Amino acid sequence: MRSWRVLQDIKNAIVGRDTIAVEIYPKESEVTDTANMYHLWVFADGYGPTVSLIPPEK
């Protein structure tokens, strides 16, 4: 198991603290398991999921 915090720190160092990134797990028929690699997709400023882990303040 890997540490979520390590990946968060890597994301912050590469693309910034205020960016949103997602990790995608493909369907098994599209897996290319040739290296121990991870991919994060980063959203451009102003784009990203419309959900949040922190509820909005009222």
N, C-alpha and C. Protein backbone atom coordinates (compact mmCIF):
# COMPACT_ATOMS: atom_id res chain seq x y z
N MET A 1 0.84 -1.18 0.00
CA MET A 1 0.00 0.00 0.00
C MET A 1 0.88 1.24 0.00
N ARG A 2 0.50 2.24 -0.74
CA ARG A 2 1.27 3.47 -0.78
C ARG A 2 0.57 4.55 0.04
N SER A 3 1.31 5.56 0.35
CA SER A 3 0.79 6.62 1.19
C SER A 3 0.11 7.70 0.35
N TRP A 4 -1.11 8.02 0.69
CA TRP A 4 -1.82 9.10 0.01
C TRP A 4 -1.06 10.42 0.17
N ARG A 5 -0.51 10.67 1.33
CA ARG A 5 0.20 11.92 1.60
C ARG A 5 1.38 12.08 0.66
N VAL A 6 2.09 10.99 0.36
CA VAL A 6 3.24 11.07 -0.56
C VAL A 6 2.77 11.53 -1.93
N LEU A 7 1.68 10.95 -2.43
CA LEU A 7 1.17 11.36 -3.74
C LEU A 7 0.67 12.80 -3.72
N GLN A 8 0.02 13.22 -2.63
CA GLN A 8 -0.43 14.61 -2.51
C GLN A 8 0.77 15.56 -2.55
N ASP A 9 1.84 15.21 -1.85
CA ASP A 9 3.05 16.05 -1.84
C ASP A 9 3.69 16.12 -3.23
N ILE A 10 3.70 15.00 -3.95
CA ILE A 10 4.25 14.99 -5.31
C ILE A 10 3.41 15.89 -6.21
N LYS A 11 2.08 15.75 -6.13
CA LYS A 11 1.18 16.60 -6.92
C LYS A 11 1.43 18.07 -6.61
N ASN A 12 1.52 18.40 -5.33
CA ASN A 12 1.75 19.80 -4.94
C ASN A 12 3.06 20.33 -5.48
N ALA A 13 4.11 19.52 -5.43
CA ALA A 13 5.43 19.95 -5.89
C ALA A 13 5.47 20.15 -7.40
N ILE A 14 4.74 19.33 -8.14
CA ILE A 14 4.82 19.39 -9.60
C ILE A 14 3.87 20.42 -10.20
N VAL A 15 2.61 20.42 -9.74
CA VAL A 15 1.62 21.28 -10.38
C VAL A 15 0.98 22.31 -9.44
N GLY A 16 1.34 22.30 -8.17
CA GLY A 16 0.85 23.32 -7.25
C GLY A 16 -0.19 22.82 -6.27
N ARG A 17 -0.26 23.52 -5.15
CA ARG A 17 -1.15 23.14 -4.06
C ARG A 17 -2.62 23.37 -4.37
N ASP A 18 -2.92 24.34 -5.24
CA ASP A 18 -4.31 24.70 -5.52
C ASP A 18 -4.83 24.11 -6.82
N THR A 19 -4.31 22.96 -7.20
CA THR A 19 -4.79 22.28 -8.39
C THR A 19 -5.54 21.02 -7.97
N ILE A 20 -6.43 20.57 -8.84
CA ILE A 20 -7.16 19.33 -8.63
C ILE A 20 -6.59 18.30 -9.59
N ALA A 21 -6.33 17.10 -9.09
CA ALA A 21 -5.85 16.01 -9.93
C ALA A 21 -6.62 14.75 -9.59
N VAL A 22 -6.75 13.86 -10.54
CA VAL A 22 -7.42 12.58 -10.32
C VAL A 22 -6.52 11.46 -10.79
N GLU A 23 -6.70 10.31 -10.19
CA GLU A 23 -6.01 9.09 -10.61
C GLU A 23 -7.08 8.16 -11.16
N ILE A 24 -6.80 7.55 -12.30
CA ILE A 24 -7.80 6.71 -12.97
C ILE A 24 -7.32 5.26 -12.99
N TYR A 25 -8.25 4.38 -12.69
CA TYR A 25 -7.99 2.95 -12.76
C TYR A 25 -8.78 2.39 -13.94
N PRO A 26 -8.07 1.92 -14.99
CA PRO A 26 -8.77 1.48 -16.20
C PRO A 26 -9.49 0.14 -16.00
N LYS A 27 -10.39 -0.15 -16.93
CA LYS A 27 -11.00 -1.47 -16.90
C LYS A 27 -9.90 -2.51 -17.19
N GLU A 28 -10.07 -3.67 -16.66
CA GLU A 28 -9.02 -4.70 -16.71
C GLU A 28 -8.57 -5.01 -18.13
N SER A 29 -9.49 -4.94 -19.10
CA SER A 29 -9.13 -5.24 -20.49
C SER A 29 -8.20 -4.19 -21.10
N GLU A 30 -8.04 -3.03 -20.45
CA GLU A 30 -7.17 -1.98 -20.96
C GLU A 30 -5.91 -1.77 -20.12
N VAL A 31 -5.69 -2.62 -19.14
CA VAL A 31 -4.50 -2.51 -18.29
C VAL A 31 -3.26 -2.88 -19.09
N THR A 32 -2.23 -2.06 -18.99
CA THR A 32 -0.93 -2.38 -19.57
C THR A 32 0.07 -2.38 -18.42
N ASP A 33 0.20 -3.51 -17.79
CA ASP A 33 0.98 -3.65 -16.57
C ASP A 33 2.44 -3.96 -16.90
N THR A 34 3.13 -2.96 -17.47
CA THR A 34 4.52 -3.18 -17.88
C THR A 34 5.53 -2.46 -17.00
N ALA A 35 5.04 -1.58 -16.10
CA ALA A 35 5.94 -0.85 -15.22
C ALA A 35 5.16 -0.42 -13.98
N ASN A 36 5.85 -0.20 -12.90
CA ASN A 36 5.22 0.26 -11.67
C ASN A 36 5.11 1.78 -11.73
N MET A 37 4.08 2.28 -12.47
CA MET A 37 3.92 3.72 -12.71
C MET A 37 2.52 4.14 -12.29
N TYR A 38 2.41 5.42 -11.93
CA TYR A 38 1.13 6.02 -11.59
C TYR A 38 0.94 7.25 -12.44
N HIS A 39 -0.31 7.56 -12.76
CA HIS A 39 -0.61 8.73 -13.57
C HIS A 39 -1.64 9.58 -12.86
N LEU A 40 -1.40 10.88 -12.80
CA LEU A 40 -2.36 11.82 -12.27
C LEU A 40 -2.77 12.75 -13.41
N TRP A 41 -4.06 12.96 -13.58
CA TRP A 41 -4.55 13.90 -14.56
C TRP A 41 -4.89 15.18 -13.82
N VAL A 42 -4.33 16.29 -14.28
CA VAL A 42 -4.50 17.57 -13.61
C VAL A 42 -5.46 18.44 -14.43
N PHE A 43 -6.39 19.07 -13.72
CA PHE A 43 -7.36 19.95 -14.37
C PHE A 43 -6.78 21.36 -14.52
N ALA A 44 -7.09 22.00 -15.64
CA ALA A 44 -6.68 23.39 -15.85
C ALA A 44 -7.43 24.29 -14.87
N ASP A 45 -6.88 25.46 -14.61
CA ASP A 45 -7.52 26.41 -13.70
C ASP A 45 -8.97 26.65 -14.13
N GLY A 46 -9.88 26.60 -13.17
CA GLY A 46 -11.28 26.85 -13.46
C GLY A 46 -12.06 25.61 -13.87
N TYR A 47 -11.38 24.49 -14.03
CA TYR A 47 -12.03 23.24 -14.42
C TYR A 47 -11.82 22.21 -13.33
N GLY A 48 -12.66 21.21 -13.31
CA GLY A 48 -12.51 20.13 -12.35
C GLY A 48 -13.85 19.60 -11.91
N PRO A 49 -13.82 18.62 -11.05
CA PRO A 49 -15.07 18.03 -10.57
C PRO A 49 -15.91 19.06 -9.83
N THR A 50 -17.21 18.87 -9.87
CA THR A 50 -18.11 19.78 -9.17
C THR A 50 -18.41 19.29 -7.76
N VAL A 51 -17.69 18.29 -7.31
CA VAL A 51 -17.85 17.78 -5.95
C VAL A 51 -16.64 18.21 -5.13
N SER A 52 -16.83 18.25 -3.82
CA SER A 52 -15.76 18.63 -2.92
C SER A 52 -15.82 17.76 -1.67
N LEU A 53 -14.70 17.59 -1.02
CA LEU A 53 -14.67 16.83 0.23
C LEU A 53 -15.07 17.69 1.42
N ILE A 54 -15.08 19.00 1.21
CA ILE A 54 -15.44 19.93 2.29
C ILE A 54 -16.76 20.60 1.91
N PRO A 55 -17.79 20.49 2.73
CA PRO A 55 -19.06 21.12 2.39
C PRO A 55 -18.93 22.64 2.35
N PRO A 56 -19.71 23.29 1.49
CA PRO A 56 -19.63 24.75 1.42
C PRO A 56 -20.20 25.37 2.70
N GLU A 57 -19.66 26.53 3.04
CA GLU A 57 -20.17 27.24 4.21
C GLU A 57 -21.50 27.90 3.84
N LYS A 58 -22.38 27.99 4.83
CA LYS A 58 -23.70 28.59 4.57
C LYS A 58 -23.67 30.07 4.82
